[in-house]
Amino acid sequence: MSSIIDYPLVTEKAMNDMDFENKLQFVVDVDAAKPEIREVVQSRFDVTVTDVNTQVQMDGTKKAIVTLSEDDDAQEVASRIGVF
């Protein structure tokens, strides 16, 4: 996808977050900072990001949980990027 975003995360929890919390999850570069992730998601997917949480997982990958504004629909964005 880009040098910061590796791919969207598609798990049962990620789908529940997308459906009920208006959040998208991505696997990102380990060195990516929250402001960089916010900027890339906003520019690439034309959405407004309200919050970014990150987590380094046990396998060494970094997961970013991106909360979208109420004006943007996570399901619509996910369908545009090919999650469905």
Protein backbone atom coordinates (compact mmCIF):
# COMPACT_ATOMS: atom_id res chain seq x y z
CA MET A 1 0.00 0.00 0.00
CA SER A 2 2.64 2.51 1.05
CA SER A 3 5.98 2.50 2.80
CA ILE A 4 4.26 3.06 6.17
CA ILE A 5 1.10 0.95 5.78
CA ASP A 6 1.86 -2.68 4.93
CA TYR A 7 -1.69 -4.07 4.68
CA PRO A 8 -5.13 -3.86 6.32
CA LEU A 9 -5.69 -6.29 9.16
CA VAL A 10 -8.69 -8.56 8.61
CA THR A 11 -9.56 -10.46 11.79
CA GLU A 12 -12.81 -11.00 13.65
CA LYS A 13 -11.89 -8.25 16.13
CA ALA A 14 -10.93 -5.89 13.31
CA MET A 15 -14.30 -6.51 11.63
CA ASN A 16 -16.16 -5.86 14.90
CA ASP A 17 -14.20 -2.62 15.40
CA MET A 18 -15.06 -1.59 11.85
CA ASP A 19 -18.77 -2.42 12.25
CA PHE A 20 -19.40 -1.05 15.73
CA GLU A 21 -16.59 1.42 16.56
CA ASN A 22 -15.84 2.99 13.12
CA LYS A 23 -12.20 1.87 13.35
CA LEU A 24 -9.81 0.38 10.81
CA GLN A 25 -6.77 -1.73 11.66
CA PHE A 26 -3.55 -1.84 9.67
CA VAL A 27 -0.20 -3.56 10.00
CA VAL A 28 2.33 -0.74 9.73
CA ASP A 29 6.09 -0.28 9.67
CA VAL A 30 7.60 -0.80 13.13
CA ASP A 31 9.31 2.60 12.97
CA ALA A 32 6.14 4.50 12.00
CA ALA A 33 4.97 7.14 14.47
CA LYS A 34 1.32 7.94 15.19
CA PRO A 35 1.39 11.34 13.40
CA GLU A 36 2.87 9.69 10.29
CA ILE A 37 0.20 6.98 10.33
CA ARG A 38 -2.54 9.60 10.74
CA GLU A 39 -1.19 11.66 7.83
CA VAL A 40 -0.87 8.68 5.46
CA VAL A 41 -4.37 7.34 6.24
CA GLN A 42 -5.96 10.78 5.84
CA SER A 43 -4.26 11.54 2.54
CA ARG A 44 -4.46 8.07 1.00
CA PHE A 45 -8.08 7.26 1.88
CA ASP A 46 -9.51 10.81 1.99
CA VAL A 47 -10.89 10.49 5.55
CA THR A 48 -10.59 12.39 8.82
CA VAL A 49 -8.76 10.48 11.55
CA THR A 50 -9.70 11.29 15.15
CA ASP A 51 -7.35 8.90 16.97
CA VAL A 52 -4.50 6.46 16.34
CA ASN A 53 -3.50 3.70 18.75
CA THR A 54 -0.53 1.43 18.09
CA GLN A 55 0.55 -1.91 19.45
CA VAL A 56 3.71 -3.91 18.82
CA GLN A 57 2.67 -7.54 18.68
CA MET A 58 4.57 -10.58 19.92
CA ASP A 59 5.64 -11.51 16.38
CA GLY A 60 7.37 -8.13 15.99
CA THR A 61 4.80 -6.47 13.73
CA LYS A 62 3.13 -3.19 14.62
CA LYS A 63 -0.65 -2.82 14.50
CA ALA A 64 -2.32 0.58 14.14
CA ILE A 65 -5.96 1.02 15.17
CA VAL A 66 -7.27 4.11 13.40
CA THR A 67 -10.51 5.76 14.57
CA LEU A 68 -12.36 7.65 11.86
CA SER A 69 -14.59 10.69 12.36
CA GLU A 70 -18.36 10.29 12.44
CA ASP A 71 -18.52 11.79 8.93
CA ASP A 72 -16.54 8.87 7.48
CA ASP A 73 -17.71 5.25 7.29
CA ALA A 74 -15.08 2.59 8.01
CA GLN A 75 -17.02 -0.04 6.05
CA GLU A 76 -17.09 2.16 2.94
CA VAL A 77 -13.35 2.84 3.21
CA ALA A 78 -12.66 -0.87 3.71
CA SER A 79 -14.62 -1.77 0.60
CA ARG A 80 -12.65 0.83 -1.40
CA ILE A 81 -9.31 -0.65 -0.34
CA GLY A 82 -10.39 -4.22 -1.04
CA VAL A 83 -10.99 -5.69 2.41
CA PHE A 84 -14.29 -7.22 1.25
